[in-house]
Amino acid sequence: MVKMVSIRMASPYGAGVFAGDRSRQPSETELALAEHQGKYMATIARRLAHG
């Protein structure tokens, strides 16, 4: 059996959470990764918008 206590999900599209039947909530690590990726994308979008 697989014990999924501290898994970290990500894909080529970015951070993710394996929830299955929605009984699992995102870990602090997964939330931090998602926040970092969001800030990074906002920085890129800002640079593209302002030349």
PDB file of N, CA and C in Angstrom:
ATOM      1  N   MET A   1       0.830  -1.189   0.000  1.00  0.00           N
ATOM      2  CA  MET A   1       0.000   0.000   0.000  1.00  0.00           C
ATOM      3  C   MET A   1       0.870   1.247   0.000  1.00  0.00           C
ATOM      4  N   VAL A   2       0.321   2.300  -0.521  1.00  0.00           N
ATOM      5  CA  VAL A   2       1.025   3.578  -0.565  1.00  0.00           C
ATOM      6  C   VAL A   2       0.491   4.470   0.541  1.00  0.00           C
ATOM      7  N   LYS A   3       1.384   5.044   1.295  1.00  0.00           N
ATOM      8  CA  LYS A   3       0.991   5.969   2.359  1.00  0.00           C
ATOM      9  C   LYS A   3       1.227   7.384   1.850  1.00  0.00           C
ATOM     10  N   MET A   4       0.164   8.164   1.674  1.00  0.00           N
ATOM     11  CA  MET A   4       0.268   9.499   1.104  1.00  0.00           C
ATOM     12  C   MET A   4       0.084  10.548   2.191  1.00  0.00           C
ATOM     13  N   VAL A   5       1.076  10.671   3.039  1.00  0.00           N
ATOM     14  CA  VAL A   5       1.007  11.619   4.136  1.00  0.00           C
ATOM     15  C   VAL A   5       1.620  12.947   3.735  1.00  0.00           C
ATOM     16  N   SER A   6       2.788  12.900   3.117  1.00  0.00           N
ATOM     17  CA  SER A   6       3.469  14.152   2.783  1.00  0.00           C
ATOM     18  C   SER A   6       3.849  14.189   1.313  1.00  0.00           C
ATOM     19  N   ILE A   7       2.852  14.050   0.444  1.00  0.00           N
ATOM     20  CA  ILE A   7       3.137  14.103  -0.976  1.00  0.00           C
ATOM     21  C   ILE A   7       3.097  15.539  -1.455  1.00  0.00           C
ATOM     22  N   ARG A   8       3.777  15.781  -2.535  1.00  0.00           N
ATOM     23  CA  ARG A   8       3.807  17.096  -3.151  1.00  0.00           C
ATOM     24  C   ARG A   8       3.431  16.915  -4.599  1.00  0.00           C
ATOM     25  N   MET A   9       2.388  17.544  -5.047  1.00  0.00           N
ATOM     26  CA  MET A   9       1.941  17.368  -6.419  1.00  0.00           C
ATOM     27  C   MET A   9       2.328  18.580  -7.252  1.00  0.00           C
ATOM     28  N   ALA A  10       2.767  18.296  -8.459  1.00  0.00           N
ATOM     29  CA  ALA A  10       3.053  19.345  -9.430  1.00  0.00           C
ATOM     30  C   ALA A  10       3.012  18.697 -10.809  1.00  0.00           C
ATOM     31  N   SER A  11       2.832  19.505 -11.805  1.00  0.00           N
ATOM     32  CA  SER A  11       2.800  19.019 -13.171  1.00  0.00           C
ATOM     33  C   SER A  11       3.499  20.058 -14.040  1.00  0.00           C
ATOM     34  N   PRO A  12       3.627  19.799 -15.331  1.00  0.00           N
ATOM     35  CA  PRO A  12       4.213  20.818 -16.204  1.00  0.00           C
ATOM     36  C   PRO A  12       3.413  22.126 -16.207  1.00  0.00           C
ATOM     37  N   TYR A  13       2.167  22.059 -15.757  1.00  0.00           N
ATOM     38  CA  TYR A  13       1.301  23.237 -15.731  1.00  0.00           C
ATOM     39  C   TYR A  13       1.368  23.998 -14.408  1.00  0.00           C
ATOM     40  N   GLY A  14       2.031  23.446 -13.409  1.00  0.00           N
ATOM     41  CA  GLY A  14       2.173  24.139 -12.136  1.00  0.00           C
ATOM     42  C   GLY A  14       1.819  23.270 -10.944  1.00  0.00           C
ATOM     43  N   ALA A  15       1.645  23.928  -9.825  1.00  0.00           N
ATOM     44  CA  ALA A  15       1.356  23.231  -8.568  1.00  0.00           C
ATOM     45  C   ALA A  15      -0.017  22.597  -8.616  1.00  0.00           C
ATOM     46  N   GLY A  16      -0.195  21.549  -7.835  1.00  0.00           N
ATOM     47  CA  GLY A  16      -1.487  20.885  -7.765  1.00  0.00           C
ATOM     48  C   GLY A  16      -1.630  20.157  -6.444  1.00  0.00           C
ATOM     49  N   VAL A  17      -2.823  19.649  -6.213  1.00  0.00           N
ATOM     50  CA  VAL A  17      -3.105  18.913  -4.984  1.00  0.00           C
ATOM     51  C   VAL A  17      -3.843  17.637  -5.369  1.00  0.00           C
ATOM     52  N   PHE A  18      -3.367  16.499  -4.863  1.00  0.00           N
ATOM     53  CA  PHE A  18      -4.075  15.242  -5.052  1.00  0.00           C
ATOM     54  C   PHE A  18      -5.091  15.134  -3.930  1.00  0.00           C
ATOM     55  N   ALA A  19      -6.356  15.264  -4.271  1.00  0.00           N
ATOM     56  CA  ALA A  19      -7.389  15.264  -3.240  1.00  0.00           C
ATOM     57  C   ALA A  19      -8.232  14.000  -3.260  1.00  0.00           C
ATOM     58  N   GLY A  20      -8.313  13.327  -4.401  1.00  0.00           N
ATOM     59  CA  GLY A  20      -9.124  12.109  -4.473  1.00  0.00           C
ATOM     60  C   GLY A  20     -10.576  12.399  -4.174  1.00  0.00           C
ATOM     61  N   ASP A  21     -11.028  11.972  -3.012  1.00  0.00           N
ATOM     62  CA  ASP A  21     -12.429  12.164  -2.628  1.00  0.00           C
ATOM     63  C   ASP A  21     -12.637  13.451  -1.834  1.00  0.00           C
ATOM     64  N   ARG A  22     -11.701  14.372  -1.951  1.00  0.00           N
ATOM     65  CA  ARG A  22     -11.731  15.695  -1.297  1.00  0.00           C
ATOM     66  C   ARG A  22     -11.557  15.630   0.216  1.00  0.00           C
ATOM     67  N   SER A  23     -11.047  14.513   0.721  1.00  0.00           N
ATOM     68  CA  SER A  23     -10.835  14.397   2.158  1.00  0.00           C
ATOM     69  C   SER A  23      -9.478  14.958   2.567  1.00  0.00           C
ATOM     70  N   ARG A  24      -8.599  15.201   1.606  1.00  0.00           N
ATOM     71  CA  ARG A  24      -7.262  15.706   1.893  1.00  0.00           C
ATOM     72  C   ARG A  24      -7.180  17.181   1.539  1.00  0.00           C
ATOM     73  N   GLN A  25      -6.627  17.971   2.419  1.00  0.00           N
ATOM     74  CA  GLN A  25      -6.428  19.395   2.199  1.00  0.00           C
ATOM     75  C   GLN A  25      -4.984  19.642   1.760  1.00  0.00           C
ATOM     76  N   PRO A  26      -4.706  20.754   1.080  1.00  0.00           N
ATOM     77  CA  PRO A  26      -3.331  21.045   0.661  1.00  0.00           C
ATOM     78  C   PRO A  26      -2.408  21.206   1.864  1.00  0.00           C
ATOM     79  N   SER A  27      -1.181  20.734   1.712  1.00  0.00           N
ATOM     80  CA  SER A  27      -0.193  20.885   2.780  1.00  0.00           C
ATOM     81  C   SER A  27       0.399  22.289   2.725  1.00  0.00           C
ATOM     82  N   GLU A  28       1.125  22.653   3.760  1.00  0.00           N
ATOM     83  CA  GLU A  28       1.785  23.961   3.783  1.00  0.00           C
ATOM     84  C   GLU A  28       2.783  24.076   2.633  1.00  0.00           C
ATOM     85  N   THR A  29       3.460  22.985   2.310  1.00  0.00           N
ATOM     86  CA  THR A  29       4.425  22.991   1.207  1.00  0.00           C
ATOM     87  C   THR A  29       3.732  23.236  -0.123  1.00  0.00           C
ATOM     88  N   GLU A  30       2.607  22.577  -0.350  1.00  0.00           N
ATOM     89  CA  GLU A  30       1.862  22.767  -1.592  1.00  0.00           C
ATOM     90  C   GLU A  30       1.322  24.186  -1.707  1.00  0.00           C
ATOM     91  N   LEU A  31       0.842  24.735  -0.613  1.00  0.00           N
ATOM     92  CA  LEU A  31       0.351  26.114  -0.633  1.00  0.00           C
ATOM     93  C   LEU A  31       1.480  27.103  -0.900  1.00  0.00           C
ATOM     94  N   ALA A  32       2.640  26.863  -0.295  1.00  0.00           N
ATOM     95  CA  ALA A  32       3.786  27.755  -0.516  1.00  0.00           C
ATOM     96  C   ALA A  32       4.248  27.690  -1.964  1.00  0.00           C
ATOM     97  N   LEU A  33       4.255  26.502  -2.551  1.00  0.00           N
ATOM     98  CA  LEU A  33       4.648  26.355  -3.952  1.00  0.00           C
ATOM     99  C   LEU A  33       3.672  27.084  -4.866  1.00  0.00           C
ATOM    100  N   ALA A  34       2.391  26.938  -4.613  1.00  0.00           N
ATOM    101  CA  ALA A  34       1.378  27.615  -5.424  1.00  0.00           C
ATOM    102  C   ALA A  34       1.502  29.138  -5.296  1.00  0.00           C
ATOM    103  N   GLU A  35       1.762  29.622  -4.088  1.00  0.00           N
ATOM    104  CA  GLU A  35       1.918  31.067  -3.892  1.00  0.00           C
ATOM    105  C   GLU A  35       3.150  31.583  -4.634  1.00  0.00           C
ATOM    106  N   HIS A  36       4.249  30.844  -4.564  1.00  0.00           N
ATOM    107  CA  HIS A  36       5.466  31.244  -5.265  1.00  0.00           C
ATOM    108  C   HIS A  36       5.228  31.299  -6.777  1.00  0.00           C
ATOM    109  N   GLN A  37       4.565  30.284  -7.322  1.00  0.00           N
ATOM    110  CA  GLN A  37       4.299  30.267  -8.755  1.00  0.00           C
ATOM    111  C   GLN A  37       3.369  31.403  -9.165  1.00  0.00           C
ATOM    112  N   GLY A  38       2.398  31.717  -8.333  1.00  0.00           N
ATOM    113  CA  GLY A  38       1.493  32.824  -8.632  1.00  0.00           C
ATOM    114  C   GLY A  38       2.215  34.158  -8.667  1.00  0.00           C
ATOM    115  N   LYS A  39       3.101  34.386  -7.705  1.00  0.00           N
ATOM    116  CA  LYS A  39       3.867  35.634  -7.682  1.00  0.00           C
ATOM    117  C   LYS A  39       4.805  35.721  -8.881  1.00  0.00           C
ATOM    118  N   TYR A  40       5.412  34.599  -9.237  1.00  0.00           N
ATOM    119  CA  TYR A  40       6.321  34.562 -10.385  1.00  0.00           C
ATOM    120  C   TYR A  40       5.570  34.892 -11.674  1.00  0.00           C
ATOM    121  N   MET A  41       4.397  34.286 -11.862  1.00  0.00           N
ATOM    122  CA  MET A  41       3.599  34.560 -13.059  1.00  0.00           C
ATOM    123  C   MET A  41       3.122  36.001 -13.097  1.00  0.00           C
ATOM    124  N   ALA A  42       2.775  36.579 -11.957  1.00  0.00           N
ATOM    125  CA  ALA A  42       2.349  37.977 -11.913  1.00  0.00           C
ATOM    126  C   ALA A  42       3.498  38.891 -12.320  1.00  0.00           C
ATOM    127  N   THR A  43       4.714  38.557 -11.904  1.00  0.00           N
ATOM    128  CA  THR A  43       5.887  39.350 -12.284  1.00  0.00           C
ATOM    129  C   THR A  43       6.103  39.301 -13.791  1.00  0.00           C
ATOM    130  N   ILE A  44       5.990  38.116 -14.372  1.00  0.00           N
ATOM    131  CA  ILE A  44       6.156  37.972 -15.824  1.00  0.00           C
ATOM    132  C   ILE A  44       5.067  38.738 -16.566  1.00  0.00           C
ATOM    133  N   ALA A  45       3.822  38.616 -16.128  1.00  0.00           N
ATOM    134  CA  ALA A  45       2.711  39.320 -16.775  1.00  0.00           C
ATOM    135  C   ALA A  45       2.896  40.827 -16.691  1.00  0.00           C
ATOM    136  N   ARG A  46       3.367  41.305 -15.550  1.00  0.00           N
ATOM    137  CA  ARG A  46       3.600  42.739 -15.394  1.00  0.00           C
ATOM    138  C   ARG A  46       4.676  43.220 -16.364  1.00  0.00           C
ATOM    139  N   ARG A  47       5.757  42.456 -16.496  1.00  0.00           N
ATOM    140  CA  ARG A  47       6.827  42.821 -17.423  1.00  0.00           C
ATOM    141  C   ARG A  47       6.351  42.832 -18.866  1.00  0.00           C
ATOM    142  N   LEU A  48       5.544  41.846 -19.223  1.00  0.00           N
ATOM    143  CA  LEU A  48       5.017  41.786 -20.596  1.00  0.00           C
ATOM    144  C   LEU A  48       4.055  42.939 -20.881  1.00  0.00           C
ATOM    145  N   ALA A  49       3.264  43.303 -19.898  1.00  0.00           N
ATOM    146  CA  ALA A  49       2.271  44.366 -20.089  1.00  0.00           C
ATOM    147  C   ALA A  49       2.930  45.737 -20.206  1.00  0.00           C
ATOM    148  N   HIS A  50       4.045  45.925 -19.541  1.00  0.00           N
ATOM    149  CA  HIS A  50       4.703  47.231 -19.525  1.00  0.00           C
ATOM    150  C   HIS A  50       5.904  47.293 -20.456  1.00  0.00           C
ATOM    151  N   GLY A  51       6.081  46.281 -21.253  1.00  0.00           N
ATOM    152  CA  GLY A  51       7.190  46.277 -22.226  1.00  0.00           C
ATOM    153  C   GLY A  51       8.457  46.015 -21.564  1.00  0.00           C
TER     154      GLY A  51
END
